[in-house]
Protein backbone atom coordinates (compact mmCIF):
# COMPACT_ATOMS: atom_id res chain seq x y z
CA MET A 1 30.05 100.64 25.01
CA LEU A 2 33.58 98.65 25.80
CA ARG A 3 35.29 100.99 27.45
CA GLY A 4 34.47 99.09 30.36
CA PHE A 5 36.55 96.59 29.61
CA GLY A 6 40.21 97.50 29.98
CA ARG A 7 39.48 98.73 33.61
CA ALA A 8 39.16 97.19 36.58
CA PRO A 9 36.09 98.64 38.15
CA PHE A 10 36.92 96.54 41.62
CA GLY A 11 39.61 98.64 43.63
CA PRO A 12 41.75 97.12 46.16
CA LYS A 13 39.31 97.51 50.12
CA SER A 14 41.19 98.91 52.51
CA PRO A 15 42.27 95.98 54.91
CA LEU A 16 40.81 98.03 58.35
CA GLY A 17 37.11 98.52 58.65
CA ALA A 18 35.32 101.71 59.69
CA GLY A 19 35.49 100.01 63.45
CA ALA A 20 39.39 99.60 63.37
CA GLY A 21 39.54 102.66 62.35
CA ALA A 22 37.58 104.39 65.10
CA ALA A 23 39.21 102.80 67.05
CA LEU A 24 42.66 103.49 66.04
CA ALA A 25 41.96 107.17 66.44
CA GLU A 26 40.76 107.12 69.82
CA GLU A 27 43.98 105.61 71.09
CA PRO A 28 46.45 108.59 71.24
CA THR A 29 43.35 110.53 72.67
CA VAL A 30 42.78 108.29 75.56
CA ASP A 31 47.12 107.89 76.31
CA ALA A 32 47.44 111.90 75.96
CA ALA A 33 44.50 112.52 78.92
CA ALA A 34 46.54 109.80 80.91
CA LYS A 35 49.97 111.16 80.89
CA ASP A 36 48.42 115.21 81.23
CA ALA A 37 46.52 113.59 84.53
CA ALA A 38 50.42 111.80 85.64
CA ARG A 39 51.92 115.21 85.56
CA GLU A 40 49.75 117.38 87.11
CA PRO A 41 50.59 116.48 90.54
CA ALA A 42 54.15 117.13 89.87
CA ARG A 43 53.56 120.85 89.01
CA SER A 44 53.83 123.83 91.40
CA GLU A 45 50.64 125.50 92.54
CA GLY A 46 52.49 128.75 92.76
CA SER A 47 54.09 128.22 88.97
CA ARG A 48 50.42 128.41 87.95
CA PRO A 49 49.24 131.62 87.19
CA GLU A 50 45.71 132.19 88.21
CA GLN A 51 43.11 131.93 85.48
CA PRO A 52 39.74 132.75 85.55
CA PRO A 53 37.31 129.98 85.20
CA ALA A 54 36.39 129.08 81.73
CA PRO A 55 32.70 129.76 80.74
CA ALA A 56 30.90 126.48 80.10
CA PRO A 57 30.83 125.49 77.07
CA VAL A 58 26.95 125.89 75.04
CA SER A 59 25.57 122.60 74.99
CA GLN A 60 24.62 121.88 71.51
CA PRO A 61 21.46 119.44 70.54
CA PRO A 62 22.96 115.96 70.24
CA ARG A 63 22.64 114.84 66.27
CA ALA A 64 20.89 112.07 65.82
CA PRO A 65 23.03 109.22 64.72
CA GLU A 66 21.95 107.49 60.93
CA PRO A 67 20.89 104.15 61.42
CA SER A 68 24.08 102.05 60.47
CA ARG A 69 24.07 98.83 58.43
CA GLU A 70 25.80 95.89 60.03
CA PRO A 71 27.96 94.28 56.69
CA ASP A 72 26.74 90.78 55.94
CA PRO A 73 29.44 88.68 55.67
CA ALA A 74 27.40 86.57 52.85
CA GLN A 75 26.98 89.80 51.21
CA GLU A 76 30.97 90.22 51.16
CA GLN A 77 31.81 87.29 50.34
CA PHE A 78 29.82 87.10 47.40
CA GLU A 79 31.31 90.56 46.62
CA GLN A 80 34.84 89.05 46.52
CA LEU A 81 33.53 86.42 44.24
CA LYS A 82 32.09 88.65 41.57
CA ARG A 83 35.22 90.76 42.00
CA HIS A 84 37.54 87.90 41.35
CA ILE A 85 35.66 86.15 38.84
CA HIS A 86 35.67 90.16 37.16
CA THR A 87 39.26 90.58 37.27
CA ARG A 88 39.76 86.79 35.15
CA LEU A 89 37.35 88.04 32.89
CA VAL A 90 39.12 91.00 31.76
CA ASP A 91 42.51 89.53 31.76
CA ARG A 92 40.94 86.37 29.00
CA LEU A 93 39.64 89.27 26.92
CA ASP A 94 41.25 89.47 23.17
CA MET A 95 40.65 93.25 22.98
CA ASN A 96 40.74 93.47 19.72
CA ARG A 97 38.60 90.05 18.98
CA VAL A 98 36.04 92.54 21.43
CA GLY A 99 36.22 95.66 18.88
CA GLU A 100 35.32 93.56 15.67
CA MET A 101 32.24 91.42 17.20
CA ASP A 102 28.27 92.34 17.24
CA PRO A 103 27.81 93.12 21.05
CA LYS A 104 24.45 90.72 20.88
CA THR A 105 26.92 87.95 19.94
CA LEU A 106 29.58 89.12 22.07
CA ARG A 107 27.72 89.70 25.55
CA ASN A 108 26.19 85.84 25.00
CA GLU A 109 29.68 84.55 24.40
CA ILE A 110 31.10 86.36 27.48
CA ARG A 111 28.24 84.85 29.36
CA GLY A 112 29.60 82.03 28.64
CA VAL A 113 32.55 82.68 30.31
CA VAL A 114 31.14 84.01 32.90
CA GLU A 115 28.80 80.80 33.70
CA LEU A 116 32.61 78.89 33.22
CA LEU A 117 33.93 80.94 35.32
CA CYS A 118 31.60 80.64 38.20
CA ASP A 119 31.73 76.76 37.89
CA THR A 120 35.37 76.76 38.86
CA GLU A 121 35.56 79.23 41.13
CA ASN A 122 32.54 78.20 43.47
CA PRO A 123 31.16 75.30 42.14
CA LEU A 124 28.30 75.35 45.57
CA LEU A 125 26.73 78.56 44.07
CA ASN A 126 23.01 77.03 44.05
CA ARG A 127 21.08 78.02 40.31
CA SER A 128 19.53 81.53 41.95
CA GLU A 129 23.04 82.97 43.16
CA ARG A 130 24.80 81.75 40.43
CA GLN A 131 21.71 83.91 37.93
CA ARG A 132 22.58 86.45 39.79
CA LEU A 133 26.09 86.50 39.91
CA VAL A 134 26.07 86.30 36.15
CA ASN A 135 23.92 88.66 35.62
CA GLU A 136 25.65 91.56 37.67
CA ILE A 137 29.28 91.04 36.30
CA LEU A 138 27.90 91.27 32.62
CA ASP A 139 26.28 94.60 33.96
CA GLU A 140 29.57 95.65 35.33
CA THR A 141 30.91 94.82 31.91
CA PHE A 142 28.30 96.02 29.52
CA GLY A 143 26.32 98.27 31.51
CA PHE A 144 26.26 100.82 34.47
CA GLY A 145 26.63 98.39 37.47
CA PRO A 146 24.48 98.12 40.04
CA LEU A 147 22.26 100.67 38.89
CA GLU A 148 21.00 98.48 35.93
CA LEU A 149 18.83 96.86 38.18
CA LEU A 150 16.77 99.97 39.30
CA LEU A 151 16.84 101.48 35.89
CA LYS A 152 15.11 98.05 34.65
CA ASP A 153 12.40 99.07 37.18
CA ASP A 154 9.57 100.81 34.81
CA LYS A 155 8.28 101.52 38.38
CA ILE A 156 10.82 104.09 39.51
CA GLY A 157 10.62 107.52 38.42
CA ASP A 158 13.07 109.27 39.91
CA ILE A 159 16.73 108.07 41.33
CA MET A 160 18.86 109.48 43.25
CA ILE A 161 22.60 108.67 44.57
CA ASN A 162 23.73 110.82 47.43
CA GLY A 163 27.62 109.12 47.89
CA PRO A 164 28.12 105.45 47.10
CA LYS A 165 25.78 103.85 49.83
CA LYS A 166 22.53 105.84 50.39
CA ILE A 167 20.45 105.70 47.17
CA TYR A 168 16.90 106.54 47.34
CA VAL A 169 14.37 106.07 44.02
CA GLU A 170 10.66 107.72 43.49
CA LYS A 171 7.79 105.11 43.53
CA ALA A 172 4.42 106.32 42.79
CA GLY A 173 5.60 109.43 44.21
CA ARG A 174 6.62 108.28 47.22
CA ILE A 175 10.72 108.48 47.74
CA GLN A 176 11.70 105.35 49.71
CA ARG A 177 15.38 104.04 50.29
CA SER A 178 16.85 101.48 48.21
CA GLU A 179 18.37 98.40 49.12
CA VAL A 180 21.30 98.94 45.80
CA VAL A 181 24.33 100.40 46.54
CA PHE A 182 27.73 100.65 45.38
CA ARG A 183 31.01 99.29 46.34
CA ASP A 184 32.61 102.65 47.34
CA SER A 185 32.80 106.39 45.46
CA GLU A 186 35.67 105.75 43.18
CA HIS A 187 33.22 102.93 41.63
CA LEU A 188 30.27 105.16 41.82
CA LEU A 189 32.94 107.55 39.67
CA GLN A 190 33.80 105.10 37.19
CA ILE A 191 29.62 104.73 36.60
CA ILE A 192 29.50 108.40 36.21
CA ASP A 193 32.37 108.96 34.17
CA ARG A 194 31.15 105.16 31.37
CA ILE A 195 27.60 107.21 31.37
CA VAL A 196 29.16 110.79 30.37
CA SER A 197 31.57 109.78 28.11
CA ARG A 198 29.19 107.66 25.92
CA VAL A 199 27.52 111.10 25.06
CA GLY A 200 30.47 113.32 24.79
CA ARG A 201 30.55 114.97 27.95
CA ARG A 202 33.53 115.02 30.83
CA VAL A 203 33.53 115.06 34.63
CA ASP A 204 36.14 115.70 36.75
CA GLU A 205 37.75 117.99 39.27
CA THR A 206 38.05 121.06 37.04
CA SER A 207 34.48 120.29 36.04
CA PRO A 208 32.72 119.04 38.35
CA MET A 209 29.35 118.82 37.52
CA VAL A 210 27.79 117.41 34.03
CA ASP A 211 24.52 117.53 32.49
CA ALA A 212 23.80 113.79 30.07
CA ARG A 213 21.75 111.14 29.09
CA LEU A 214 21.19 107.81 29.49
CA PRO A 215 20.42 105.71 26.24
CA ASP A 216 17.09 105.44 26.85
CA GLY A 217 16.92 109.22 27.01
CA SER A 218 16.44 109.52 30.84
CA ARG A 219 17.87 113.13 31.84
CA PHE A 220 21.49 112.13 34.08
CA ASN A 221 22.97 114.72 36.54
CA ALA A 222 26.56 114.44 38.33
CA ILE A 223 27.88 116.21 40.58
CA ILE A 224 31.31 115.05 42.49
CA PRO A 225 33.63 116.16 45.10
CA PRO A 226 34.92 118.76 45.98
CA LEU A 227 31.80 120.61 45.37
CA ALA A 228 29.35 117.33 46.81
CA LEU A 229 30.70 116.77 50.03
CA ASP A 230 29.81 113.27 50.99
CA GLY A 231 30.83 111.68 47.70
CA PRO A 232 29.26 111.96 44.44
CA VAL A 233 25.95 112.81 43.92
CA VAL A 234 23.46 111.48 41.02
CA THR A 235 20.21 112.43 39.93
CA ILE A 236 18.33 110.29 37.21
CA ARG A 237 15.18 111.32 35.39
CA MET A 238 13.57 108.23 34.23
CA PHE A 239 11.65 108.76 30.87
CA GLY A 240 11.24 105.31 30.15
CA SER A 241 11.73 103.47 26.75
CA LYS A 242 8.54 104.21 25.48
CA PRO A 243 6.92 107.70 26.36
CA LEU A 244 3.30 108.11 27.79
CA SER A 245 0.52 108.82 25.23
CA LYS A 246 -2.42 111.01 25.44
CA ASP A 247 -4.57 108.46 26.70
CA ASP A 248 -1.91 107.33 29.55
CA LEU A 249 -1.88 110.57 30.65
CA ILE A 250 -6.03 110.71 30.66
CA ARG A 251 -5.65 107.20 32.68
CA PHE A 252 -4.16 109.13 35.86
CA LYS A 253 -6.01 111.91 35.50
CA ALA A 254 -3.29 114.49 34.47
CA PHE A 255 -6.38 116.08 32.63
CA THR A 256 -9.48 115.59 31.23
CA PRO A 257 -10.96 114.97 27.60
CA GLU A 258 -12.10 118.16 27.22
CA MET A 259 -8.76 120.06 28.17
CA LEU A 260 -6.86 117.63 25.99
CA GLU A 261 -9.14 118.91 23.32
CA LEU A 262 -8.75 122.14 23.10
CA MET A 263 -4.41 121.61 23.30
CA GLU A 264 -4.72 119.25 20.24
CA GLY A 265 -6.81 122.40 18.64
CA ALA A 266 -4.26 124.18 19.66
CA MET A 267 -1.29 122.07 18.67
CA LYS A 268 -2.89 121.82 15.33
CA ALA A 269 -3.80 125.48 14.55
CA ARG A 270 0.25 126.18 15.67
CA LEU A 271 -0.62 128.34 18.86
CA ASN A 272 2.81 129.35 20.80
CA ILE A 273 2.74 127.22 23.38
CA ILE A 274 4.90 127.72 27.07
CA ILE A 275 4.90 124.83 29.48
CA SER A 276 5.26 126.19 32.72
CA GLY A 277 5.49 124.31 36.27
CA GLY A 278 8.28 123.17 38.80
CA THR A 279 10.71 120.61 39.22
CA GLY A 280 9.47 117.26 38.27
CA SER A 281 5.63 118.46 37.49
CA GLY A 282 6.03 116.82 34.27
CA LYS A 283 6.41 119.64 31.52
CA THR A 284 8.99 117.19 29.54
CA THR A 285 6.53 114.29 29.07
CA LEU A 286 3.49 117.05 28.69
CA LEU A 287 5.72 118.58 25.58
CA ASN A 288 6.23 115.18 23.73
CA THR A 289 2.71 113.97 24.38
CA LEU A 290 1.70 117.60 22.79
CA SER A 291 3.90 116.81 20.07
CA SER A 292 2.46 113.66 18.39
CA PHE A 293 -0.66 116.45 17.36
CA ILE A 294 1.85 118.43 15.19
CA GLN A 295 1.30 117.36 11.30
CA PRO A 296 3.88 114.98 9.97
CA ASP A 297 4.67 117.36 6.94
CA HIS A 298 6.06 120.06 9.49
CA ARG A 299 10.00 120.12 10.08
CA VAL A 300 10.44 120.30 13.59
CA ILE A 301 13.65 121.75 15.00
CA THR A 302 14.41 120.56 19.41
CA ILE A 303 17.23 122.89 21.20
CA GLU A 304 18.29 120.85 24.56
CA ASP A 305 21.30 121.08 26.87
CA ALA A 306 20.46 117.35 27.26
CA ALA A 307 18.98 115.87 25.18
CA GLU A 308 15.85 114.10 26.29
CA LEU A 309 12.95 114.88 24.13
CA GLN A 310 11.14 112.12 22.55
CA LEU A 311 9.29 113.35 19.90
CA GLN A 312 7.06 111.57 17.97
CA GLN A 313 7.44 112.76 14.25
CA ASP A 314 9.86 111.60 11.51
CA HIS A 315 10.94 115.00 9.97
CA VAL A 316 12.79 115.97 13.57
CA VAL A 317 16.25 118.14 14.18
CA ARG A 318 17.57 117.50 17.23
CA LEU A 319 20.71 120.25 18.44
CA GLU A 320 22.54 119.90 21.40
CA THR A 321 24.69 122.49 23.10
CA ARG A 322 27.79 121.62 23.96
CA PRO A 323 29.50 122.89 27.48
CA PRO A 324 33.47 124.13 27.05
CA ASN A 325 36.52 122.34 26.77
CA ILE A 326 39.27 122.08 29.87
CA GLU A 327 40.76 125.15 27.94
CA GLY A 328 37.30 126.98 28.16
CA ARG A 329 36.66 127.04 24.95
CA GLY A 330 34.67 125.62 22.14
CA ALA A 331 30.98 126.18 24.47
CA VAL A 332 27.88 126.50 22.05
CA THR A 333 24.64 128.00 23.88
CA ALA A 334 21.52 127.22 23.50
CA THR A 335 21.55 131.76 21.97
CA ASP A 336 23.89 130.44 19.23
CA LEU A 337 21.91 127.36 18.34
CA VAL A 338 18.40 128.95 18.33
CA LYS A 339 20.01 131.63 15.88
CA ASN A 340 21.48 128.94 13.53
CA ALA A 341 17.94 127.14 13.54
CA LEU A 342 16.26 130.29 11.89
CA ARG A 343 18.40 129.49 9.03
CA MET A 344 17.40 125.73 8.69
CA ARG A 345 13.79 126.21 7.22
CA PRO A 346 12.01 125.31 10.74
CA ASP A 347 8.11 124.75 10.65
CA ARG A 348 8.14 124.77 14.67
CA ILE A 349 11.07 125.46 16.99
CA ILE A 350 10.79 123.53 20.55
CA ILE A 351 13.31 124.35 23.05
CA GLY A 352 13.45 121.88 26.13
CA GLU A 353 13.96 124.43 28.52
CA CYS A 354 14.36 128.34 28.79
CA ARG A 355 17.05 128.90 31.39
CA GLY A 356 19.06 132.18 29.44
CA ALA A 357 18.97 134.79 27.13
CA GLU A 358 17.96 132.23 24.09
CA THR A 359 14.77 133.22 25.56
CA LEU A 360 14.75 136.72 23.42
CA ASP A 361 15.36 134.72 20.30
CA MET A 362 12.66 132.44 20.83
CA ILE A 363 10.16 135.03 21.43
CA GLN A 364 11.09 136.83 17.80
CA ALA A 365 11.49 133.69 16.45
CA MET A 366 7.40 133.23 17.48
CA ASN A 367 6.77 136.88 16.25
CA THR A 368 8.76 136.03 12.88
CA GLY A 369 6.65 133.21 11.36
CA HIS A 370 7.58 130.23 13.12
CA GLU A 371 4.23 129.79 14.71
CA GLY A 372 3.39 126.60 16.36
CA SER A 373 7.03 127.09 18.76
CA MET A 374 7.23 125.59 21.77
CA THR A 375 9.24 125.67 25.31
CA THR A 376 9.44 125.17 29.09
CA VAL A 377 10.07 127.24 31.87
CA HIS A 378 10.04 126.60 35.32
CA ALA A 379 7.26 128.42 37.22
CA ASN A 380 4.75 128.26 39.97
CA THR A 381 1.53 130.14 37.70
CA PRO A 382 1.14 131.59 34.80
CA ARG A 383 1.57 134.85 36.00
CA ASP A 384 4.93 133.84 37.07
CA ALA A 385 6.22 132.15 34.12
CA MET A 386 5.22 135.78 32.23
CA SER A 387 7.74 137.80 34.97
CA ARG A 388 10.14 134.70 34.52
CA LEU A 389 10.39 135.28 31.10
CA GLU A 390 10.77 139.33 31.44
CA THR A 391 13.89 138.48 33.35
CA MET A 392 15.79 135.67 31.48
CA ILE A 393 15.50 138.55 28.34
CA SER A 394 16.92 141.00 30.40
CA MET A 395 20.34 137.97 30.83
CA ALA A 396 20.34 139.09 27.20
CA GLY A 397 22.12 142.64 28.12
CA LEU A 398 19.38 144.73 26.12
CA GLU A 399 17.89 147.64 28.12
CA LEU A 400 14.62 147.10 26.23
CA PRO A 401 11.68 149.64 27.63
CA ILE A 402 9.48 146.91 29.75
CA ARG A 403 6.07 148.36 27.73
CA ALA A 404 8.20 146.92 24.11
CA LEU A 405 9.11 144.14 26.26
CA ARG A 406 5.51 142.81 27.32
CA SER A 407 3.68 143.98 24.10
CA GLN A 408 6.28 140.84 22.24
CA PHE A 409 5.33 138.53 24.85
CA ALA A 410 1.72 139.41 24.62
CA SER A 411 1.73 138.69 20.53
CA ALA A 412 3.78 135.97 20.65
CA VAL A 413 2.60 133.78 23.73
CA ASP A 414 -0.94 132.11 22.40
CA LEU A 415 -1.50 129.80 25.54
CA ILE A 416 0.15 128.57 28.74
CA ILE A 417 -0.17 125.22 30.34
CA GLN A 418 0.36 125.09 34.30
CA ALA A 419 1.63 121.82 35.60
CA SER A 420 2.01 120.99 39.16
CA ARG A 421 3.17 117.99 41.50
CA LEU A 422 0.44 117.93 44.13
CA GLN A 423 1.10 116.64 47.65
CA GLY A 424 1.51 113.09 47.42
CA GLY A 425 2.81 112.62 44.06
CA PRO A 426 -0.41 112.93 41.56
CA ARG A 427 1.32 115.73 38.76
CA LYS A 428 -1.85 117.54 37.06
CA VAL A 429 -2.36 119.93 34.56
CA THR A 430 -3.72 122.60 36.94
CA SER A 431 -4.06 125.73 34.45
CA ILE A 432 -4.59 126.30 30.43
CA SER A 433 -4.56 129.93 30.57
CA GLU A 434 -4.81 132.39 27.32
CA VAL A 435 -2.76 135.32 26.59
CA ILE A 436 -5.24 138.14 25.19
CA GLY A 437 -3.26 141.24 25.17
CA MET A 438 -1.82 144.58 26.76
CA GLU A 439 -3.62 146.58 28.72
CA GLY A 440 -1.97 149.27 29.80
CA ASP A 441 1.41 148.08 30.96
CA THR A 442 0.03 144.85 31.88
CA ILE A 443 -0.29 141.37 30.38
CA ILE A 444 -3.98 140.36 30.32
CA MET A 445 -4.70 136.64 30.70
CA GLN A 446 -7.63 134.46 30.92
CA GLU A 447 -8.10 131.05 32.58
CA ILE A 448 -10.03 128.22 30.31
CA PHE A 449 -9.63 125.16 32.26
CA ALA A 450 -8.24 124.71 36.13
CA PHE A 451 -7.66 122.20 39.03
CA ARG A 452 -8.73 123.28 42.31
CA GLN A 453 -7.20 121.64 45.16
CA ILE A 454 -9.85 120.24 47.68
CA GLY A 455 -7.80 118.39 50.08
CA VAL A 456 -5.72 114.91 50.93
CA ASP A 457 -6.33 111.71 51.56
CA ALA A 458 -5.84 109.39 54.47
CA ASP A 459 -3.00 108.65 52.87
CA GLY A 460 -1.24 111.88 52.59
CA ARG A 461 -2.42 111.84 48.34
CA ALA A 462 -3.93 115.33 47.39
CA HIS A 463 -7.50 115.37 46.04
CA GLY A 464 -9.39 118.17 43.69
CA GLU A 465 -11.74 118.73 41.10
CA PHE A 466 -11.01 119.96 37.36
CA LEU A 467 -13.41 123.02 36.25
CA SER A 468 -14.17 124.87 33.08
CA THR A 469 -14.60 128.56 34.09
CA GLY A 470 -17.16 129.11 31.77
CA ILE A 471 -14.55 131.26 29.53
CA ARG A 472 -15.08 131.22 25.39
CA PRO A 473 -11.20 132.01 24.15
CA THR A 474 -10.77 134.15 21.52
CA PHE A 475 -8.99 131.93 19.40
CA MET A 476 -11.63 130.23 18.48
CA GLU A 477 -11.85 131.55 14.56
CA ARG A 478 -8.32 130.19 14.48
CA LEU A 479 -8.68 126.67 15.59
CA GLU A 480 -11.88 126.92 12.89
CA ALA A 481 -9.39 128.28 9.97
CA ALA A 482 -7.16 125.12 11.19
CA GLY A 483 -10.03 122.36 10.71
CA CYS A 484 -10.45 122.21 14.39
CA LYS A 485 -14.39 122.70 15.22
CA LEU A 486 -14.83 122.92 19.09
CA SER A 487 -18.32 122.50 20.59
CA PRO A 488 -19.75 125.08 22.20
CA ASP A 489 -20.80 123.63 25.58
CA LEU A 490 -17.33 122.37 25.69
CA PHE A 491 -16.12 125.80 27.77
CA ARG A 492 -19.51 125.51 30.10
CA GLN A 493 -19.06 126.26 33.36
CA ARG A 494 -19.23 123.29 35.22
CA VAL A 495 -17.05 120.54 37.20
CA LEU A 496 -15.44 118.59 34.83
CA LEU A 497 -13.78 115.68 36.81
CA LYS A 498 -13.29 114.93 40.30
CA ASP A 499 -10.34 113.58 41.27
């Protein structure tokens, strides 16, 4: 956490602004054109061979210029003062003593030092400016710099950084531009390095893409030049320190109480469940919520590329894959962890997301006594989810007959829950489907609950209705054997809720 002390996160600024640089770049072009025009009369007409007229260049549609933001002199002066005080703070720190102090005590002491430096350097700051200056310097020293302001906002769901000066956030399902900016690309790279180094990852030109997690479990992805052409790009999926509960999701109308009752029974009866959905549809949030129904005496092992699950049990073993080192060695894949998890006496295995060959090991684990396992997969419909699983198993390099492959699916997977992000931002469970078995070479599925979109309102937000299809699932006996008795009226065909 204290790695940032030894660095000076404020680099020197170029003495020339963007406008000056552009002006200097244009001058040689004008002078060269003038000299060519002056020399033109002196050339002999006969000495030049006749050339066919050049074809007229194809006109390209002009690119709309991006709106530029004029620099605020007061803001620039504030940034200069912040850099100066931070530099003086780093010079005054006793690094040996810093490593021995309690983080809370250290932060309080440094706050006092920063306040003293503020009074010394600029005693004319008003109270709000002084407090803002102190907080931003502390964020640079202990936290993630300008990101701290966004990370503390509970209304933000996603943070998208397209270079140091373009930051977008998602609030209430709508993407909007933020006023928060970084000083330059070097400043943003320092914050990225600070985040990934805390979880044992690295990012540089030899490894320009990285997945990591923030202290609160939020998902972090970064890609830097030379792959990102306009500067470092960061995407953060905010999960919050407190995971959403089932009551929260019902209040948000993500599903109905009837659907929750079926999903709760499926978890307690140890059905194997696959959560399917697109990016940002709420798959991880739903998985975290359903994990609250796992029996407290079950041993759960989670496997993820970047640990982000927040299971609500005590007996949980969390495993995380490891990328190769700078020499290309030492990688530990999800397939390796699944094979090792089978030797760890698990009651349930939960894979954060199936992306490749580990899908085969996951399906085999479901078929060999590890019932109640769960995973997520990217797909648009439950039928597409099964097709994607087939494709990912083929990545394992095994040439299995398609019928044998689908037969394993049909016997391993009991329930597919489809999550979707609709127009305007609402996230819904749009389908709960049961996998019945095989008929010929086709996997037979039946939909129990569904959400049908009717239209969009004046604000562009999708609305529709939750339906019960009238089909009674075939696993009702397993639910009753586990002590989950559901009312027959639960599956009566009707409209459950209009939203």
